[in-house]
Amino acid sequence: MGGIWTGVRERVLALREAPNRRLVFGADAGRHGHGFELSPVLTEEQVRAVERRLGFGFPPEYRSFLFEVGAGGAGPDYGLFPVRPIGPAAAEPAAPQGTAPEGTVPEGAPAEDTAPEARRHEPPFRPELTQELDAHESTEPQRAAYADTTEGEARFVRDYRAWDARHDELHDELTEGTLCVSEQGCAYYTLLAVTGPERGTMWDDVRAVGEGVVPIRHKGKDKERVTFAEWYLHWLAYAERRALGEQPD
């Protein structure tokens, strides 16, 4: 990656002793805080084992981060979910797409730039489904639109069940082809697109407030999309300014 992560691990760990480290959001939040700690880096063999088990390859910037910076820990919001090496005793299934319970890495999709054995067909990430979900929600059946009869009640129940089933499908499909990399709090999550044209870009999962999945944008920047490295390094620059007592943007 052309040295993009050179010195980053050292910069992050140095903030453990910064005078204002507790002012950085997510750093000092009890058991949820990252404390500017980083997991050990992974080897090529360990990363390939995780990719084989999950059935997809990590995008290049994220993959090199695991090699050079750490397999989880300090990062935006409450930090990055850990990627644990696969051992002989590891037998639990991969987590669902778009979630990361117990700190596991969720299911995503294959990469063209990783080991062939880690590839499989996965649907592409489709951010346009957020608009489709919005449109679908506007068609929610209303009881008042049906006759006040037994037959009208039956029609309403039938139609509502069909509408609700499609709503659940769209809700789940929104995160297909993504990797949940961190938690923002209040049921908001940060996603890394791993398939389709948006592969390698960062997204906010704000389904908890009915806003779907939207691209992350940095204030004052004109870019429509942010990559994993841009997202992480932007946070690190902010964390250094804040923790070291300088005025953040």
Protein backbone atom coordinates (compact mmCIF):
# COMPACT_ATOMS: atom_id res chain seq x y z
CA MET A 1 0.00 0.00 0.00
CA GLY A 2 2.94 2.36 -0.55
CA GLY A 3 3.69 2.82 3.12
CA ILE A 4 0.28 4.28 3.98
CA TRP A 5 0.40 2.68 7.43
CA THR A 6 4.04 3.48 8.19
CA GLY A 7 4.33 4.70 11.80
CA VAL A 8 0.57 4.55 12.42
CA ARG A 9 0.70 1.85 15.08
CA GLU A 10 3.33 3.82 16.99
CA ARG A 11 1.31 7.04 16.72
CA VAL A 12 -1.81 5.37 18.09
CA LEU A 13 -0.06 3.67 21.01
CA ALA A 14 1.71 6.90 21.93
CA LEU A 15 -1.67 8.47 22.68
CA ARG A 16 -2.06 6.19 25.70
CA GLU A 17 0.11 8.72 27.57
CA ALA A 18 -1.30 11.89 26.02
CA PRO A 19 -2.48 14.48 28.59
CA ASN A 20 -6.00 14.85 27.19
CA ARG A 21 -6.50 11.31 25.94
CA ARG A 22 -9.80 10.95 27.82
CA LEU A 23 -11.31 13.79 25.78
CA VAL A 24 -11.26 11.66 22.63
CA PHE A 25 -14.68 10.10 22.15
CA GLY A 26 -14.67 6.35 22.74
CA ALA A 27 -11.22 6.20 24.30
CA ASP A 28 -12.35 6.25 27.93
CA ALA A 29 -15.76 4.57 28.10
CA GLY A 30 -15.35 1.80 30.63
CA ARG A 31 -15.30 -1.66 29.14
CA HIS A 32 -16.41 -0.22 25.80
CA GLY A 33 -13.51 2.23 25.54
CA HIS A 34 -10.51 1.37 23.38
CA GLY A 35 -7.96 3.19 25.54
CA PHE A 36 -5.73 3.65 22.46
CA GLU A 37 -4.77 -0.01 22.67
CA LEU A 38 -4.28 -2.12 19.53
CA SER A 39 -4.43 -5.85 19.02
CA PRO A 40 -1.29 -7.53 17.67
CA VAL A 41 -0.87 -7.53 13.89
CA LEU A 42 -1.69 -10.68 11.94
CA THR A 43 0.46 -12.71 9.60
CA GLU A 44 -0.40 -13.44 5.97
CA GLU A 45 -1.26 -17.01 6.94
CA GLN A 46 -3.57 -15.85 9.73
CA VAL A 47 -5.39 -13.39 7.49
CA ARG A 48 -5.85 -16.01 4.79
CA ALA A 49 -7.27 -18.41 7.37
CA VAL A 50 -9.82 -15.82 8.49
CA GLU A 51 -10.73 -15.05 4.87
CA ARG A 52 -11.22 -18.73 4.11
CA ARG A 53 -13.45 -19.18 7.13
CA LEU A 54 -15.55 -16.11 6.43
CA GLY A 55 -15.65 -16.83 2.71
CA PHE A 56 -14.49 -13.45 1.44
CA GLY A 57 -11.31 -11.45 1.01
CA PHE A 58 -10.67 -8.17 2.81
CA PRO A 59 -10.28 -5.00 0.70
CA PRO A 60 -6.58 -4.06 0.28
CA GLU A 61 -6.39 -1.11 2.70
CA TYR A 62 -8.12 -3.00 5.47
CA ARG A 63 -6.08 -6.12 4.78
CA SER A 64 -2.78 -4.22 5.01
CA PHE A 65 -4.01 -2.55 8.21
CA LEU A 66 -4.26 -6.01 9.79
CA PHE A 67 -0.65 -6.70 8.78
CA GLU A 68 0.87 -3.36 9.78
CA VAL A 69 -1.25 -1.66 12.45
CA GLY A 70 -3.33 -4.19 14.35
CA ALA A 71 -6.19 -6.66 14.22
CA GLY A 72 -8.60 -4.35 16.02
CA GLY A 73 -8.63 -1.88 18.87
CA ALA A 74 -8.25 1.90 18.84
CA GLY A 75 -10.09 3.71 16.08
CA PRO A 76 -13.09 5.93 15.35
CA ASP A 77 -15.91 5.92 17.90
CA TYR A 78 -15.54 2.90 20.18
CA GLY A 79 -12.75 1.38 18.12
CA LEU A 80 -12.44 -1.43 15.60
CA PHE A 81 -13.92 -4.86 16.15
CA PRO A 82 -11.12 -7.42 16.57
CA VAL A 83 -10.20 -9.97 13.93
CA ARG A 84 -9.14 -13.02 15.87
CA PRO A 85 -6.77 -15.62 14.40
CA ILE A 86 -8.37 -18.92 13.57
CA GLY A 87 -7.16 -21.75 15.80
CA PRO A 88 -7.84 -25.50 15.82
CA ALA A 89 -10.54 -25.02 18.46
CA ALA A 90 -12.41 -22.24 16.63
CA ALA A 91 -15.71 -23.71 15.61
CA GLU A 92 -18.38 -21.00 16.00
CA PRO A 93 -20.05 -19.86 12.75
CA ALA A 94 -19.39 -16.51 11.13
CA ALA A 95 -21.60 -13.65 12.30
CA PRO A 96 -24.39 -12.28 10.08
CA GLN A 97 -23.69 -9.57 7.56
CA GLY A 98 -23.55 -6.06 8.92
CA THR A 99 -23.21 -7.08 12.58
CA ALA A 100 -20.38 -8.07 14.85
CA PRO A 101 -21.62 -9.68 18.08
CA GLU A 102 -19.00 -10.58 20.66
CA GLY A 103 -16.36 -8.73 18.65
CA THR A 104 -16.37 -11.16 15.71
CA VAL A 105 -16.02 -10.07 12.11
CA PRO A 106 -19.26 -10.43 10.12
CA GLU A 107 -19.78 -12.13 6.80
CA GLY A 108 -19.00 -10.09 3.70
CA ALA A 109 -18.00 -11.05 0.18
CA PRO A 110 -15.13 -12.21 -2.04
CA ALA A 111 -12.21 -10.19 -3.31
CA GLU A 112 -10.50 -10.47 -6.66
CA ASP A 113 -7.15 -9.65 -5.07
CA THR A 114 -6.94 -12.40 -2.47
CA ALA A 115 -6.40 -16.14 -2.35
CA PRO A 116 -8.66 -18.15 -4.72
CA GLU A 117 -9.70 -20.42 -1.87
CA ALA A 118 -11.19 -17.40 -0.06
CA ARG A 119 -13.52 -16.48 -2.93
CA ARG A 120 -17.17 -17.29 -3.44
CA HIS A 121 -20.11 -15.63 -5.12
CA GLU A 122 -21.73 -12.94 -2.97
CA PRO A 123 -24.29 -10.30 -3.92
CA PRO A 124 -22.81 -6.86 -4.50
CA PHE A 125 -23.32 -4.10 -1.96
CA ARG A 126 -26.25 -2.02 -3.23
CA PRO A 127 -26.59 1.31 -1.42
CA GLU A 128 -29.51 2.21 -3.69
CA LEU A 129 -31.62 -0.13 -1.57
CA THR A 130 -31.85 2.66 0.99
CA GLN A 131 -34.05 4.59 -1.45
CA GLU A 132 -36.01 1.44 -2.22
CA LEU A 133 -36.61 0.90 1.49
CA ASP A 134 -37.77 4.50 1.87
CA ALA A 135 -40.21 4.04 -0.98
CA HIS A 136 -41.45 0.75 0.45
CA GLU A 137 -42.09 2.30 3.86
CA SER A 138 -44.35 4.87 2.25
CA THR A 139 -46.62 2.03 1.07
CA GLU A 140 -47.26 0.56 4.52
CA PRO A 141 -50.88 -0.71 4.56
CA GLN A 142 -53.21 1.32 6.78
CA ARG A 143 -56.21 -0.34 8.44
CA ALA A 144 -58.44 2.65 7.69
CA ALA A 145 -58.07 1.96 3.97
CA TYR A 146 -59.84 -1.39 4.30
CA ALA A 147 -63.49 -2.17 4.76
CA ASP A 148 -64.69 -2.52 8.34
CA THR A 149 -65.71 -6.10 7.75
CA THR A 150 -64.33 -9.55 8.46
CA GLU A 151 -63.22 -9.77 4.84
CA GLY A 152 -61.60 -6.32 5.03
CA GLU A 153 -59.72 -7.31 8.19
CA ALA A 154 -58.47 -10.49 6.51
CA ARG A 155 -57.26 -8.52 3.48
CA PHE A 156 -55.48 -6.01 5.68
CA VAL A 157 -53.70 -8.76 7.67
CA ARG A 158 -52.67 -10.52 4.45
CA ASP A 159 -51.36 -7.36 2.81
CA TYR A 160 -49.58 -6.18 5.94
CA ARG A 161 -47.82 -9.49 6.39
CA ALA A 162 -46.59 -9.37 2.78
CA TRP A 163 -45.46 -5.77 3.22
CA ASP A 164 -43.70 -6.55 6.51
CA ALA A 165 -41.90 -9.56 5.02
CA ARG A 166 -40.55 -7.43 2.17
CA HIS A 167 -39.57 -4.72 4.65
CA ASP A 168 -37.50 -7.24 6.61
CA GLU A 169 -35.86 -8.47 3.39
CA LEU A 170 -34.87 -4.96 2.33
CA HIS A 171 -33.63 -4.16 5.82
CA ASP A 172 -31.31 -7.18 5.74
CA GLU A 173 -30.27 -6.78 2.09
CA LEU A 174 -28.99 -3.26 2.82
CA THR A 175 -25.87 -4.68 4.49
CA GLU A 176 -25.15 -7.50 2.04
CA GLY A 177 -21.63 -7.12 0.72
CA THR A 178 -20.43 -5.14 3.73
CA LEU A 179 -18.20 -5.75 6.72
CA CYS A 180 -19.18 -4.21 10.06
CA VAL A 181 -15.93 -2.76 11.40
CA SER A 182 -17.02 -0.66 14.38
CA GLU A 183 -19.82 0.48 16.65
CA GLN A 184 -20.73 4.14 17.00
CA GLY A 185 -23.16 3.69 19.87
CA CYS A 186 -26.98 3.92 19.99
CA ALA A 187 -27.25 0.99 17.53
CA TYR A 188 -25.31 2.86 14.82
CA TYR A 189 -22.51 0.95 13.08
CA THR A 190 -19.74 1.62 10.57
CA LEU A 191 -19.56 -0.59 7.49
CA LEU A 192 -16.83 -1.30 4.96
CA ALA A 193 -18.12 -2.20 1.50
CA VAL A 194 -16.44 -5.40 0.31
CA THR A 195 -18.24 -6.10 -2.98
CA GLY A 196 -19.53 -4.20 -5.98
CA PRO A 197 -18.45 -0.80 -7.33
CA GLU A 198 -18.31 0.66 -3.81
CA ARG A 199 -15.80 -1.91 -2.58
CA GLY A 200 -13.33 -0.38 -0.13
CA THR A 201 -15.52 2.61 0.85
CA MET A 202 -16.99 3.43 4.27
CA TRP A 203 -20.68 3.67 5.20
CA ASP A 204 -22.84 4.56 8.19
CA ASP A 205 -25.44 1.98 9.16
CA VAL A 206 -28.19 4.17 10.57
CA ARG A 207 -31.07 1.78 10.09
CA ALA A 208 -31.86 2.24 13.80
CA VAL A 209 -33.34 5.64 12.99
CA GLY A 210 -34.84 4.63 9.66
CA GLU A 211 -32.18 6.24 7.46
CA GLY A 212 -30.74 3.08 5.94
CA VAL A 213 -27.07 2.91 4.94
CA VAL A 214 -25.42 6.17 3.87
CA PRO A 215 -21.87 7.07 2.74
CA ILE A 216 -19.47 8.53 5.28
CA ARG A 217 -18.31 12.03 4.37
CA HIS A 218 -15.75 14.21 6.11
CA LYS A 219 -16.67 17.80 6.90
CA GLY A 220 -15.06 20.30 4.57
CA LYS A 221 -14.21 17.64 1.99
CA ASP A 222 -15.71 17.42 -1.47
CA LYS A 223 -15.19 13.69 -1.90
CA GLU A 224 -18.37 11.66 -2.28
CA ARG A 225 -16.71 8.56 -0.86
CA VAL A 226 -14.17 7.82 1.88
CA THR A 227 -11.89 4.77 1.85
CA PHE A 228 -10.91 2.77 4.93
CA ALA A 229 -7.45 4.38 5.11
CA GLU A 230 -8.88 7.89 4.70
CA TRP A 231 -11.45 7.19 7.41
CA TYR A 232 -8.92 5.82 9.89
CA LEU A 233 -6.19 8.40 9.28
CA HIS A 234 -8.71 11.25 9.50
CA TRP A 235 -9.70 9.96 12.95
CA LEU A 236 -6.07 9.59 14.01
CA ALA A 237 -5.25 13.18 13.05
CA TYR A 238 -8.26 14.38 15.06
CA ALA A 239 -7.36 12.15 18.04
CA GLU A 240 -3.81 13.50 18.11
CA ARG A 241 -4.99 17.12 18.07
CA ARG A 242 -7.53 16.46 20.79
CA ALA A 243 -5.41 14.25 23.03
CA LEU A 244 -2.36 16.48 22.80
CA GLY A 245 -4.30 19.60 23.70
CA GLU A 246 -4.51 21.19 20.26
CA GLN A 247 -7.77 22.59 18.91
CA PRO A 248 -9.52 20.02 16.69
CA ASP A 249 -11.35 21.03 13.54
